[in-house]
Amino acid sequence: MVMTNGTVFMPSILTLIGIPGLESVQCWIGIPFCGIYVISLIGNYILLVIIKSEHTLHKPMYLFLAMLGITDIALSTCILPKMLGIFWFHMQEIQFDVCLLQMWLIHTFQCIESGILLAMAVDRYVAICDPLRHATIFTSQLLTQIGIGVTLRAGILMAPCLLLIKCRLKYYLTTVISHSYCEHMAIVKLAAGNIQVNKAYGLFVAFSILGLDVILILLSYIRIFIAVFHLPQKEARLKAFNTCIAHIFVFLEFYILAFFSFFTHRFGFHIPPYIHILLSNLYLLVPPLLNPIVYGVKTKEIRDQVMKFITFKNPD
């Protein structure tokens, strides 16, 4: 790297601090984070094995859940190993291009998860509001197209973030990132010069994907609740509502953490930096932990198969 007037030209190595202000206790913070990661891997792995092996679960609702589990495993694996290396072994250096790759993967998997949650909401809408056509609409071909579509949408929309950083941001005021992973704005703020285009594009992606998905999910559930309350029998209303409870909880947990982290990061100027970083970490680590637990507890079909899996019984 070349130093020019106090700036660094195209640094090859960046340094991740971890959690600024809590460096002295990061080794202890890493213990619960590691526990969250291990439980997330085990929970999502069990869920994937059960859905794959049990043919009665080869339905859109559970196949979307399998996509969510794969995304959660990939997302947490992008973050935790490097983060624990920082916390426990002081492995703070990361190559600039590797940092950009981690940034792209993290934000891409976040967008994929949002797209899957939207697809799950639409699936519940069709299943409750137009049940006779559900099987003909949500075919295996459509599920494949949805999986490819949400992946391409996320990957393509996040790709310009890489290009804008590589092509427009040549000089950096510092190579030290006050974060525990490579996040878009954390990297952009290192640069010298005009960073408004990068910031604007980051906001565009956040609102065009997360914001649009939230609106569509809310509209789906408004229609669902209207349809449920018009069902003539109380038992039918309860059954229809129960099929949505797990997804509603996962939806709220993902987006509340996402927007809370987003707004505190950009508008909470008087909040200590370590609070921002901890919230960002929890936003990425908590959903992979809770998603399999929520579906395992609230979905009878999965709960029964989990009990058989734990007790080493063959599924019926």
Protein backbone atom coordinates (compact mmCIF):
# COMPACT_ATOMS: atom_id res chain seq x y z
CA MET A 1 0.00 0.00 0.00
CA VAL A 2 1.12 3.59 -0.74
CA MET A 3 0.79 6.47 1.74
CA THR A 4 -0.16 9.84 0.22
CA ASN A 5 -0.79 12.99 2.31
CA GLY A 6 -1.89 10.95 5.31
CA THR A 7 -4.12 8.66 3.25
CA VAL A 8 -3.60 5.09 2.07
CA PHE A 9 -3.94 4.28 -1.63
CA MET A 10 -5.81 1.00 -2.26
CA PRO A 11 -4.88 -0.84 0.97
CA SER A 12 -4.24 -4.54 0.67
CA ILE A 13 -4.88 -5.29 4.36
CA LEU A 14 -7.60 -4.01 6.70
CA THR A 15 -7.86 -4.43 10.46
CA LEU A 16 -11.07 -5.38 12.25
CA ILE A 17 -11.16 -4.12 15.84
CA GLY A 18 -14.03 -6.34 16.97
CA ILE A 19 -16.27 -4.47 19.40
CA PRO A 20 -14.77 -1.00 20.03
CA GLY A 21 -14.77 -0.16 23.72
CA LEU A 22 -15.06 -3.79 24.81
CA GLU A 23 -11.72 -5.12 23.56
CA SER A 24 -10.71 -6.22 27.06
CA VAL A 25 -13.74 -8.51 27.46
CA GLN A 26 -14.10 -9.74 23.89
CA CYS A 27 -12.74 -13.15 24.83
CA TRP A 28 -15.71 -13.59 27.18
CA ILE A 29 -18.22 -12.21 24.68
CA GLY A 30 -16.98 -14.83 22.22
CA ILE A 31 -18.21 -17.68 24.47
CA PRO A 32 -21.97 -16.98 24.15
CA PHE A 33 -21.48 -16.06 20.49
CA CYS A 34 -19.82 -19.42 19.88
CA GLY A 35 -22.67 -21.14 21.75
CA ILE A 36 -25.22 -19.36 19.56
CA TYR A 37 -23.34 -20.45 16.44
CA VAL A 38 -23.08 -24.10 17.46
CA ILE A 39 -26.76 -24.30 18.48
CA SER A 40 -27.74 -22.58 15.21
CA LEU A 41 -25.78 -25.11 13.14
CA ILE A 42 -27.21 -28.08 15.04
CA GLY A 43 -30.79 -26.78 14.96
CA ASN A 44 -30.79 -25.94 11.27
CA TYR A 45 -28.99 -29.17 10.38
CA ILE A 46 -31.59 -31.26 12.22
CA LEU A 47 -34.34 -29.31 10.49
CA LEU A 48 -32.80 -29.92 7.05
CA VAL A 49 -32.31 -33.64 7.72
CA ILE A 50 -35.90 -34.03 8.90
CA ILE A 51 -37.40 -32.15 5.94
CA LYS A 52 -35.26 -34.11 3.49
CA SER A 53 -35.98 -37.55 4.98
CA GLU A 54 -39.70 -37.13 5.75
CA HIS A 55 -41.74 -37.18 2.52
CA THR A 56 -44.83 -35.74 4.21
CA LEU A 57 -42.86 -32.54 4.75
CA HIS A 58 -42.08 -32.10 1.05
CA LYS A 59 -44.56 -29.24 0.84
CA PRO A 60 -43.95 -25.56 -0.04
CA MET A 61 -44.14 -24.36 3.58
CA TYR A 62 -41.42 -26.78 4.72
CA LEU A 63 -39.30 -26.46 1.58
CA PHE A 64 -39.19 -22.70 2.10
CA LEU A 65 -38.17 -23.43 5.68
CA ALA A 66 -35.33 -25.61 4.36
CA MET A 67 -34.19 -22.71 2.13
CA LEU A 68 -34.28 -20.48 5.20
CA GLY A 69 -32.18 -23.01 7.16
CA ILE A 70 -29.54 -23.20 4.42
CA THR A 71 -29.38 -19.40 4.26
CA ASP A 72 -29.05 -19.14 8.05
CA ILE A 73 -26.18 -21.65 8.13
CA ALA A 74 -24.37 -19.81 5.33
CA LEU A 75 -24.96 -16.38 6.90
CA SER A 76 -23.71 -17.29 10.37
CA THR A 77 -20.72 -19.15 8.90
CA CYS A 78 -19.71 -16.02 6.97
CA ILE A 79 -19.44 -14.12 10.24
CA LEU A 80 -18.63 -16.27 13.28
CA PRO A 81 -15.34 -18.01 12.44
CA LYS A 82 -13.57 -14.71 11.66
CA MET A 83 -15.27 -12.95 14.57
CA LEU A 84 -14.15 -15.62 17.03
CA GLY A 85 -10.65 -15.38 15.55
CA ILE A 86 -10.67 -11.68 16.46
CA PHE A 87 -12.09 -12.22 19.94
CA TRP A 88 -9.97 -15.21 20.98
CA PHE A 89 -6.78 -15.20 18.89
CA HIS A 90 -6.39 -11.48 17.95
CA MET A 91 -6.54 -12.40 14.24
CA GLN A 92 -7.65 -8.89 13.29
CA GLU A 93 -6.10 -8.51 9.86
CA ILE A 94 -8.11 -9.35 6.75
CA GLN A 95 -7.22 -8.90 3.09
CA PHE A 96 -9.10 -6.05 1.44
CA ASP A 97 -10.63 -8.25 -1.28
CA VAL A 98 -11.58 -10.92 1.27
CA CYS A 99 -13.24 -8.21 3.35
CA LEU A 100 -15.27 -7.09 0.33
CA LEU A 101 -16.25 -10.70 -0.36
CA GLN A 102 -17.42 -11.14 3.23
CA MET A 103 -19.40 -7.90 2.98
CA TRP A 104 -21.08 -9.04 -0.26
CA LEU A 105 -21.90 -12.49 1.12
CA ILE A 106 -23.34 -11.16 4.38
CA HIS A 107 -25.61 -8.60 2.74
CA THR A 108 -26.56 -11.02 -0.04
CA PHE A 109 -27.66 -13.69 2.43
CA GLN A 110 -29.61 -11.06 4.38
CA CYS A 111 -31.48 -10.14 1.21
CA ILE A 112 -32.05 -13.81 0.34
CA GLU A 113 -33.55 -14.40 3.79
CA SER A 114 -35.86 -11.43 3.31
CA GLY A 115 -36.98 -12.81 -0.06
CA ILE A 116 -37.66 -16.25 1.42
CA LEU A 117 -39.76 -14.69 4.21
CA LEU A 118 -41.78 -12.87 1.55
CA ALA A 119 -42.28 -16.12 -0.39
CA MET A 120 -43.42 -17.86 2.81
CA ALA A 121 -45.97 -15.08 3.43
CA VAL A 122 -47.36 -15.42 -0.09
CA ASP A 123 -47.50 -19.20 0.36
CA ARG A 124 -49.58 -18.78 3.55
CA TYR A 125 -51.80 -16.24 1.77
CA VAL A 126 -52.61 -18.64 -1.07
CA ALA A 127 -52.99 -21.62 1.30
CA ILE A 128 -55.58 -19.77 3.43
CA CYS A 129 -57.31 -17.48 0.92
CA ASP A 130 -57.34 -19.82 -2.10
CA PRO A 131 -56.66 -23.34 -0.74
CA LEU A 132 -58.09 -25.22 -3.74
CA ARG A 133 -55.51 -23.68 -6.08
CA HIS A 134 -52.54 -23.84 -3.69
CA ALA A 135 -51.16 -27.14 -5.00
CA THR A 136 -51.48 -26.06 -8.64
CA ILE A 137 -49.85 -22.65 -8.01
CA PHE A 138 -46.95 -23.68 -5.75
CA THR A 139 -45.50 -26.42 -7.92
CA SER A 140 -41.96 -27.75 -7.56
CA GLN A 141 -41.02 -25.75 -10.67
CA LEU A 142 -42.27 -22.51 -9.09
CA LEU A 143 -40.39 -23.23 -5.85
CA THR A 144 -37.18 -23.69 -7.83
CA GLN A 145 -37.80 -20.45 -9.72
CA ILE A 146 -38.46 -18.59 -6.45
CA GLY A 147 -35.24 -19.93 -4.92
CA ILE A 148 -33.21 -18.91 -7.98
CA GLY A 149 -35.03 -15.58 -8.23
CA VAL A 150 -34.46 -14.40 -4.65
CA THR A 151 -30.80 -15.48 -4.89
CA LEU A 152 -30.20 -13.64 -8.17
CA ARG A 153 -32.06 -10.56 -6.94
CA ALA A 154 -29.86 -10.34 -3.86
CA GLY A 155 -26.58 -11.11 -5.60
CA ILE A 156 -27.16 -8.74 -8.52
CA LEU A 157 -28.36 -5.81 -6.39
CA MET A 158 -25.41 -6.19 -4.02
CA ALA A 159 -22.79 -6.48 -6.78
CA PRO A 160 -22.64 -2.70 -7.48
CA CYS A 161 -21.60 -2.15 -3.86
CA LEU A 162 -18.40 -4.04 -4.64
CA LEU A 163 -17.83 -2.12 -7.88
CA LEU A 164 -18.49 1.27 -6.30
CA ILE A 165 -15.96 0.58 -3.55
CA LYS A 166 -13.31 -0.88 -5.87
CA CYS A 167 -13.67 1.69 -8.64
CA ARG A 168 -14.57 4.93 -6.85
CA LEU A 169 -12.89 4.71 -3.44
CA LYS A 170 -9.13 4.75 -4.05
CA TYR A 171 -7.84 6.58 -0.97
CA TYR A 172 -8.53 5.67 2.65
CA LEU A 173 -8.08 7.75 5.79
CA THR A 174 -7.46 4.60 7.84
CA THR A 175 -7.33 0.85 7.39
CA VAL A 176 -8.90 0.12 10.79
CA ILE A 177 -12.57 -0.96 10.74
CA SER A 178 -14.40 -0.30 14.01
CA HIS A 179 -16.51 -3.41 13.60
CA SER A 180 -16.37 -7.16 14.13
CA TYR A 181 -17.15 -8.02 10.50
CA CYS A 182 -16.95 -6.30 7.11
CA GLU A 183 -20.11 -4.24 6.80
CA HIS A 184 -20.83 -1.95 3.86
CA MET A 185 -21.01 1.40 5.65
CA ALA A 186 -18.15 0.50 7.99
CA ILE A 187 -15.88 0.08 4.95
CA VAL A 188 -17.21 3.12 3.07
CA LYS A 189 -16.61 5.42 6.06
CA LEU A 190 -12.88 4.62 5.92
CA ALA A 191 -12.52 6.31 2.55
CA ALA A 192 -11.30 9.80 1.83
CA GLY A 193 -13.33 11.89 -0.59
CA ASN A 194 -16.94 11.72 -1.73
CA ILE A 195 -18.74 8.68 -0.36
CA GLN A 196 -22.29 9.92 -0.97
CA VAL A 197 -22.89 7.67 -3.99
CA ASN A 198 -21.90 4.59 -2.00
CA LYS A 199 -24.09 5.62 0.93
CA ALA A 200 -27.01 6.39 -1.36
CA TYR A 201 -26.76 3.04 -3.11
CA GLY A 202 -26.60 1.20 0.22
CA LEU A 203 -29.80 2.94 1.33
CA PHE A 204 -31.42 2.16 -2.04
CA VAL A 205 -30.69 -1.57 -1.66
CA ALA A 206 -31.89 -1.61 1.96
CA PHE A 207 -35.22 0.02 1.15
CA SER A 208 -35.79 -1.59 -2.25
CA ILE A 209 -35.35 -5.09 -0.82
CA LEU A 210 -36.04 -5.05 2.91
CA GLY A 211 -38.51 -2.16 2.75
CA LEU A 212 -40.45 -3.54 -0.22
CA ASP A 213 -40.50 -7.05 1.23
CA VAL A 214 -41.87 -5.75 4.56
CA ILE A 215 -44.67 -3.88 2.80
CA LEU A 216 -45.65 -6.93 0.71
CA ILE A 217 -45.53 -9.25 3.74
CA LEU A 218 -47.73 -6.88 5.74
CA LEU A 219 -50.22 -6.66 2.85
CA SER A 220 -50.28 -10.47 2.63
CA TYR A 221 -51.04 -10.81 6.33
CA ILE A 222 -53.73 -8.12 6.24
CA ARG A 223 -55.48 -10.15 3.55
CA ILE A 224 -54.88 -13.35 5.52
CA PHE A 225 -56.38 -11.92 8.73
CA ILE A 226 -59.41 -10.61 6.83
CA ALA A 227 -59.96 -14.04 5.28
CA VAL A 228 -59.45 -15.84 8.60
CA PHE A 229 -61.96 -13.66 10.47
CA HIS A 230 -64.56 -14.35 7.79
CA LEU A 231 -64.31 -18.11 8.22
CA PRO A 232 -67.62 -19.41 9.62
CA GLN A 233 -66.25 -21.88 12.19
CA LYS A 234 -64.10 -20.97 15.17
CA GLU A 235 -62.05 -24.15 14.82
CA ALA A 236 -61.26 -23.31 11.21
CA ARG A 237 -60.16 -19.78 12.20
CA LEU A 238 -57.88 -21.13 14.92
CA LYS A 239 -56.35 -23.74 12.62
CA ALA A 240 -55.69 -21.17 9.89
CA PHE A 241 -54.19 -18.71 12.36
CA ASN A 242 -51.99 -21.38 13.97
CA THR A 243 -50.37 -22.16 10.62
CA CYS A 244 -49.14 -18.54 10.51
CA ILE A 245 -47.92 -18.05 14.09
CA ALA A 246 -44.40 -19.42 13.55
CA HIS A 247 -43.87 -17.37 10.39
CA ILE A 248 -45.21 -14.19 12.04
CA PHE A 249 -42.76 -14.63 14.92
CA VAL A 250 -39.83 -15.24 12.54
CA PHE A 251 -40.90 -12.27 10.41
CA LEU A 252 -41.09 -9.92 13.42
CA GLU A 253 -37.82 -11.18 14.90
CA PHE A 254 -35.92 -10.67 11.61
CA TYR A 255 -37.27 -7.26 10.62
CA ILE A 256 -37.52 -5.68 14.08
CA LEU A 257 -33.86 -6.53 14.73
CA ALA A 258 -32.94 -5.38 11.21
CA PHE A 259 -34.62 -1.98 11.39
CA PHE A 260 -33.65 -1.39 15.02
CA SER A 261 -30.00 -2.04 14.13
CA PHE A 262 -30.31 0.07 10.96
CA PHE A 263 -31.83 3.13 12.62
CA THR A 264 -29.61 3.08 15.71
CA HIS A 265 -26.54 2.79 13.46
CA ARG A 266 -27.53 5.79 11.33
CA PHE A 267 -29.42 8.04 13.73
CA GLY A 268 -28.33 7.00 17.22
CA PHE A 269 -25.37 9.39 17.33
CA HIS A 270 -25.32 9.51 21.13
CA ILE A 271 -25.40 5.73 21.57
CA PRO A 272 -21.96 4.20 22.39
CA PRO A 273 -20.32 2.44 19.40
CA TYR A 274 -20.22 -0.93 21.17
CA ILE A 275 -24.03 -0.85 21.38
CA HIS A 276 -24.22 -0.39 17.60
CA ILE A 277 -21.85 -3.28 16.99
CA LEU A 278 -23.52 -5.62 19.48
CA LEU A 279 -26.92 -4.91 17.91
CA SER A 280 -25.50 -5.59 14.44
CA ASN A 281 -24.03 -8.88 15.64
CA LEU A 282 -27.26 -9.95 17.33
CA TYR A 283 -29.28 -9.04 14.24
CA LEU A 284 -27.22 -11.48 12.19
CA LEU A 285 -26.80 -14.24 14.81
CA VAL A 286 -30.16 -14.41 16.61
CA PRO A 287 -32.45 -15.34 13.65
CA PRO A 288 -30.40 -18.45 12.70
CA LEU A 289 -30.62 -19.50 16.36
CA LEU A 290 -34.35 -18.88 16.85
CA ASN A 291 -35.79 -19.93 13.48
CA PRO A 292 -35.43 -23.72 13.92
CA ILE A 293 -36.51 -23.45 17.57
CA VAL A 294 -39.66 -21.49 16.69
CA TYR A 295 -40.69 -23.88 13.92
CA GLY A 296 -39.75 -26.89 16.02
CA VAL A 297 -41.98 -25.72 18.87
CA LYS A 298 -44.94 -24.28 16.93
CA THR A 299 -45.23 -26.79 14.06
CA LYS A 300 -46.62 -30.15 15.15
CA GLU A 301 -45.34 -32.07 12.11
CA ILE A 302 -41.78 -30.88 12.68
CA ARG A 303 -42.04 -31.29 16.44
CA ASP A 304 -43.09 -34.94 16.06
CA GLN A 305 -40.24 -35.65 13.65
CA VAL A 306 -37.73 -33.91 15.92
CA MET A 307 -38.77 -36.16 18.80
CA LYS A 308 -38.29 -39.23 16.60
CA PHE A 309 -34.92 -37.89 15.45
CA ILE A 310 -33.75 -37.27 19.01
CA THR A 311 -34.92 -40.68 20.23
CA PHE A 312 -33.37 -42.36 17.14
CA LYS A 313 -36.68 -43.74 15.94
CA ASN A 314 -37.30 -44.23 12.25
CA PRO A 315 -39.91 -41.79 10.89
CA ASP A 316 -43.22 -43.44 10.00
